[in-house]
Amino acid sequence: MTIRELTGQDIQLGYAAMFELRGQRPPLASPEAFQSWVTQQAAQGYRLAAAFESQVAQAQAVCGFRVLNFLYSGRQLYIDDLSTLPQARARGHARALLDWAEAEAGRLNCESLHLDSGVQRFGAHRLYLKAGMDITAHHFAKSLR
């Protein structure tokens, strides 16, 4: 397995894996729309890393993230998206991406690694706890549309 950051046209290689998590969202209407959206988010610091298996062109898992600075936590690497293709689950891709993100956070002098996870994602919660993450907050949201 290899992990690398996706930029330019290569962003489309992560489309199928991201669709598993965010398929209902308009930015995922097509691989081209996804590339355009990720490129727009890059202006806000968003980056996309992906896990690949040898001799398979498309990413098996993706991790979208950015570095943020907060009064409560200092400099942190925040994972927006972490998703694996169904047929690639339980092969260590998501854990490898978490480990990669943690190393990247260290390289970027971050004090912590954060993510939010839907309350129904029990398998993901197990992964995060096994990776040494703690449940530290409840996230509240209010739709404005």
C-alpha atoms as a PDB file:
ATOM      1  CA  MET A   1       0.000   0.000   0.000  1.00  0.00           C
ATOM      2  CA  THR A   2       1.179   3.495  -0.793  1.00  0.00           C
ATOM      3  CA  ILE A   3      -0.160   6.807   0.448  1.00  0.00           C
ATOM      4  CA  ARG A   4       0.203  10.018  -1.469  1.00  0.00           C
ATOM      5  CA  GLU A   5      -1.387  13.400  -1.736  1.00  0.00           C
ATOM      6  CA  LEU A   6      -3.728  14.002  -4.679  1.00  0.00           C
ATOM      7  CA  THR A   7      -3.547  17.214  -6.694  1.00  0.00           C
ATOM      8  CA  GLY A   8      -4.693  18.332 -10.136  1.00  0.00           C
ATOM      9  CA  GLN A   9      -6.235  15.627 -12.324  1.00  0.00           C
ATOM     10  CA  ASP A  10      -5.215  12.953  -9.789  1.00  0.00           C
ATOM     11  CA  ILE A  11      -7.930  14.230  -7.437  1.00  0.00           C
ATOM     12  CA  GLN A  12     -10.396  12.268  -9.574  1.00  0.00           C
ATOM     13  CA  LEU A  13      -8.673   9.022  -8.484  1.00  0.00           C
ATOM     14  CA  GLY A  14     -10.225   9.581  -5.041  1.00  0.00           C
ATOM     15  CA  TYR A  15     -13.759  10.145  -6.333  1.00  0.00           C
ATOM     16  CA  ALA A  16     -15.158   6.622  -5.779  1.00  0.00           C
ATOM     17  CA  ALA A  17     -13.822   6.377  -2.226  1.00  0.00           C
ATOM     18  CA  MET A  18     -15.153   9.819  -1.309  1.00  0.00           C
ATOM     19  CA  PHE A  19     -18.510   9.012  -2.921  1.00  0.00           C
ATOM     20  CA  GLU A  20     -18.973   6.256  -0.313  1.00  0.00           C
ATOM     21  CA  LEU A  21     -19.022   8.870   2.441  1.00  0.00           C
ATOM     22  CA  ARG A  22     -20.364  11.982   0.765  1.00  0.00           C
ATOM     23  CA  GLY A  23     -22.253  10.717  -2.297  1.00  0.00           C
ATOM     24  CA  GLN A  24     -25.429  12.633  -1.495  1.00  0.00           C
ATOM     25  CA  ARG A  25     -23.627  15.970  -1.793  1.00  0.00           C
ATOM     26  CA  PRO A  26     -23.791  17.979  -5.073  1.00  0.00           C
ATOM     27  CA  PRO A  27     -19.979  18.327  -5.313  1.00  0.00           C
ATOM     28  CA  LEU A  28     -19.897  14.579  -5.998  1.00  0.00           C
ATOM     29  CA  ALA A  29     -22.164  14.668  -9.057  1.00  0.00           C
ATOM     30  CA  SER A  30     -19.183  13.550 -11.178  1.00  0.00           C
ATOM     31  CA  PRO A  31     -15.425  13.030 -10.871  1.00  0.00           C
ATOM     32  CA  GLU A  32     -14.935  16.384 -12.599  1.00  0.00           C
ATOM     33  CA  ALA A  33     -17.265  18.169 -10.167  1.00  0.00           C
ATOM     34  CA  PHE A  34     -15.386  16.535  -7.286  1.00  0.00           C
ATOM     35  CA  GLN A  35     -12.039  17.736  -8.652  1.00  0.00           C
ATOM     36  CA  SER A  36     -13.417  21.255  -9.035  1.00  0.00           C
ATOM     37  CA  TRP A  37     -14.781  21.271  -5.477  1.00  0.00           C
ATOM     38  CA  VAL A  38     -11.553  19.960  -3.942  1.00  0.00           C
ATOM     39  CA  THR A  39      -9.613  22.577  -5.904  1.00  0.00           C
ATOM     40  CA  GLN A  40     -11.895  25.290  -4.487  1.00  0.00           C
ATOM     41  CA  GLN A  41     -11.451  23.926  -0.967  1.00  0.00           C
ATOM     42  CA  ALA A  42      -7.673  23.943  -1.440  1.00  0.00           C
ATOM     43  CA  ALA A  43      -7.855  27.739  -1.317  1.00  0.00           C
ATOM     44  CA  GLN A  44      -9.065  27.239   2.281  1.00  0.00           C
ATOM     45  CA  GLY A  45      -6.195  24.883   3.105  1.00  0.00           C
ATOM     46  CA  TYR A  46      -7.932  21.584   2.266  1.00  0.00           C
ATOM     47  CA  ARG A  47      -5.674  18.747   1.132  1.00  0.00           C
ATOM     48  CA  LEU A  48      -6.511  15.224   0.004  1.00  0.00           C
ATOM     49  CA  ALA A  49      -4.402  12.136   0.666  1.00  0.00           C
ATOM     50  CA  ALA A  50      -5.196   8.667  -0.641  1.00  0.00           C
ATOM     51  CA  ALA A  51      -4.237   5.045  -0.075  1.00  0.00           C
ATOM     52  CA  PHE A  52      -3.476   2.940  -3.140  1.00  0.00           C
ATOM     53  CA  GLU A  53      -2.945  -0.771  -3.660  1.00  0.00           C
ATOM     54  CA  SER A  54      -0.333  -1.855  -6.173  1.00  0.00           C
ATOM     55  CA  GLN A  55      -1.598  -2.170  -9.735  1.00  0.00           C
ATOM     56  CA  VAL A  56      -4.966  -0.524  -8.913  1.00  0.00           C
ATOM     57  CA  ALA A  57      -5.461   2.943 -10.397  1.00  0.00           C
ATOM     58  CA  GLN A  58      -8.229   4.271  -8.171  1.00  0.00           C
ATOM     59  CA  ALA A  59      -7.684   5.198  -4.542  1.00  0.00           C
ATOM     60  CA  GLN A  60      -8.930   2.595  -2.071  1.00  0.00           C
ATOM     61  CA  ALA A  61      -9.390   5.190   0.680  1.00  0.00           C
ATOM     62  CA  VAL A  62      -9.138   8.961   1.004  1.00  0.00           C
ATOM     63  CA  CYS A  63      -8.472  11.450   3.771  1.00  0.00           C
ATOM     64  CA  GLY A  64      -9.352  15.120   3.335  1.00  0.00           C
ATOM     65  CA  PHE A  65      -7.829  17.430   5.919  1.00  0.00           C
ATOM     66  CA  ARG A  66      -6.628  20.927   6.756  1.00  0.00           C
ATOM     67  CA  VAL A  67      -4.599  22.688   9.431  1.00  0.00           C
ATOM     68  CA  LEU A  68      -6.571  25.018  11.714  1.00  0.00           C
ATOM     69  CA  ASN A  69      -5.681  27.212  14.675  1.00  0.00           C
ATOM     70  CA  PHE A  70      -8.032  27.459  17.651  1.00  0.00           C
ATOM     71  CA  LEU A  71      -7.879  29.119  21.054  1.00  0.00           C
ATOM     72  CA  TYR A  72      -9.040  25.895  22.721  1.00  0.00           C
ATOM     73  CA  SER A  73      -6.623  23.503  21.057  1.00  0.00           C
ATOM     74  CA  GLY A  74      -3.888  25.502  19.372  1.00  0.00           C
ATOM     75  CA  ARG A  75      -2.703  24.341  15.969  1.00  0.00           C
ATOM     76  CA  GLN A  76      -4.453  21.161  14.879  1.00  0.00           C
ATOM     77  CA  LEU A  77      -4.764  18.950  11.851  1.00  0.00           C
ATOM     78  CA  TYR A  78      -8.485  18.478  11.283  1.00  0.00           C
ATOM     79  CA  ILE A  79      -9.726  15.539   9.206  1.00  0.00           C
ATOM     80  CA  ASP A  80     -12.811  16.580   7.239  1.00  0.00           C
ATOM     81  CA  ASP A  81     -13.275  13.283   5.402  1.00  0.00           C
ATOM     82  CA  LEU A  82     -12.030   9.715   5.829  1.00  0.00           C
ATOM     83  CA  SER A  83     -13.602   7.108   3.579  1.00  0.00           C
ATOM     84  CA  THR A  84     -12.794   3.647   2.226  1.00  0.00           C
ATOM     85  CA  LEU A  85     -14.294   1.730  -0.684  1.00  0.00           C
ATOM     86  CA  PRO A  86     -16.522  -1.096   0.636  1.00  0.00           C
ATOM     87  CA  GLN A  87     -14.465  -3.799  -1.086  1.00  0.00           C
ATOM     88  CA  ALA A  88     -11.270  -2.407   0.477  1.00  0.00           C
ATOM     89  CA  ARG A  89     -12.458  -2.235   4.084  1.00  0.00           C
ATOM     90  CA  ALA A  90     -10.682  -4.157   6.862  1.00  0.00           C
ATOM     91  CA  ARG A  91      -7.376  -4.042   4.951  1.00  0.00           C
ATOM     92  CA  GLY A  92      -5.781  -1.240   6.946  1.00  0.00           C
ATOM     93  CA  HIS A  93      -6.260   1.634   4.489  1.00  0.00           C
ATOM     94  CA  ALA A  94      -8.075   3.974   6.885  1.00  0.00           C
ATOM     95  CA  ARG A  95      -5.625   3.225   9.702  1.00  0.00           C
ATOM     96  CA  ALA A  96      -2.711   3.871   7.361  1.00  0.00           C
ATOM     97  CA  LEU A  97      -4.251   7.215   6.391  1.00  0.00           C
ATOM     98  CA  LEU A  98      -4.777   8.104  10.063  1.00  0.00           C
ATOM     99  CA  ASP A  99      -1.140   7.260  10.792  1.00  0.00           C
ATOM    100  CA  TRP A 100      -0.042   9.302   7.757  1.00  0.00           C
ATOM    101  CA  ALA A 101      -2.184  12.250   8.925  1.00  0.00           C
ATOM    102  CA  GLU A 102      -0.682  12.035  12.410  1.00  0.00           C
ATOM    103  CA  ALA A 103       2.826  12.111  10.953  1.00  0.00           C
ATOM    104  CA  GLU A 104       1.864  15.052   8.723  1.00  0.00           C
ATOM    105  CA  ALA A 105       0.443  16.853  11.772  1.00  0.00           C
ATOM    106  CA  GLY A 106       3.762  16.387  13.536  1.00  0.00           C
ATOM    107  CA  ARG A 107       5.677  17.611  10.502  1.00  0.00           C
ATOM    108  CA  LEU A 108       3.465  20.724  10.432  1.00  0.00           C
ATOM    109  CA  ASN A 109       3.992  21.396  14.168  1.00  0.00           C
ATOM    110  CA  CYS A 110       0.377  20.678  15.105  1.00  0.00           C
ATOM    111  CA  GLU A 111      -0.486  20.058  18.734  1.00  0.00           C
ATOM    112  CA  SER A 112      -3.306  17.622  18.002  1.00  0.00           C
ATOM    113  CA  LEU A 113      -5.296  15.655  15.453  1.00  0.00           C
ATOM    114  CA  HIS A 114      -9.101  16.057  15.352  1.00  0.00           C
ATOM    115  CA  LEU A 115     -12.091  14.739  13.450  1.00  0.00           C
ATOM    116  CA  ASP A 116     -15.859  14.513  13.811  1.00  0.00           C
ATOM    117  CA  SER A 117     -17.726  11.267  13.225  1.00  0.00           C
ATOM    118  CA  GLY A 118     -21.418  10.552  12.827  1.00  0.00           C
ATOM    119  CA  VAL A 119     -22.902   8.911  15.914  1.00  0.00           C
ATOM    120  CA  GLN A 120     -24.033   5.926  13.822  1.00  0.00           C
ATOM    121  CA  ARG A 121     -20.524   5.058  12.538  1.00  0.00           C
ATOM    122  CA  PHE A 122     -19.627   2.448  15.150  1.00  0.00           C
ATOM    123  CA  GLY A 123     -16.947   0.765  13.046  1.00  0.00           C
ATOM    124  CA  ALA A 124     -15.226   4.098  12.499  1.00  0.00           C
ATOM    125  CA  HIS A 125     -15.413   4.841  16.226  1.00  0.00           C
ATOM    126  CA  ARG A 126     -13.626   1.562  16.983  1.00  0.00           C
ATOM    127  CA  LEU A 127     -10.904   2.490  14.499  1.00  0.00           C
ATOM    128  CA  TYR A 128     -10.400   5.935  16.031  1.00  0.00           C
ATOM    129  CA  LEU A 129     -10.259   4.589  19.585  1.00  0.00           C
ATOM    130  CA  LYS A 130      -7.776   1.869  18.553  1.00  0.00           C
ATOM    131  CA  ALA A 131      -5.688   4.609  16.931  1.00  0.00           C
ATOM    132  CA  GLY A 132      -5.399   6.321  20.327  1.00  0.00           C
ATOM    133  CA  MET A 133      -8.002   9.030  19.795  1.00  0.00           C
ATOM    134  CA  ASP A 134     -10.336  10.102  22.591  1.00  0.00           C
ATOM    135  CA  ILE A 135     -13.963  11.218  22.490  1.00  0.00           C
ATOM    136  CA  THR A 136     -13.589  14.811  23.678  1.00  0.00           C
ATOM    137  CA  ALA A 137     -16.719  16.687  22.579  1.00  0.00           C
ATOM    138  CA  HIS A 138     -20.205  16.653  21.159  1.00  0.00           C
ATOM    139  CA  HIS A 139     -20.562  18.508  17.870  1.00  0.00           C
ATOM    140  CA  PHE A 140     -23.702  20.604  17.384  1.00  0.00           C
ATOM    141  CA  ALA A 141     -24.989  21.852  14.035  1.00  0.00           C
ATOM    142  CA  LYS A 142     -27.988  23.789  12.765  1.00  0.00           C
ATOM    143  CA  SER A 143     -29.008  23.670   9.122  1.00  0.00           C
ATOM    144  CA  LEU A 144     -29.628  27.110   7.640  1.00  0.00           C
ATOM    145  CA  ARG A 145     -31.215  25.870   4.394  1.00  0.00           C
END
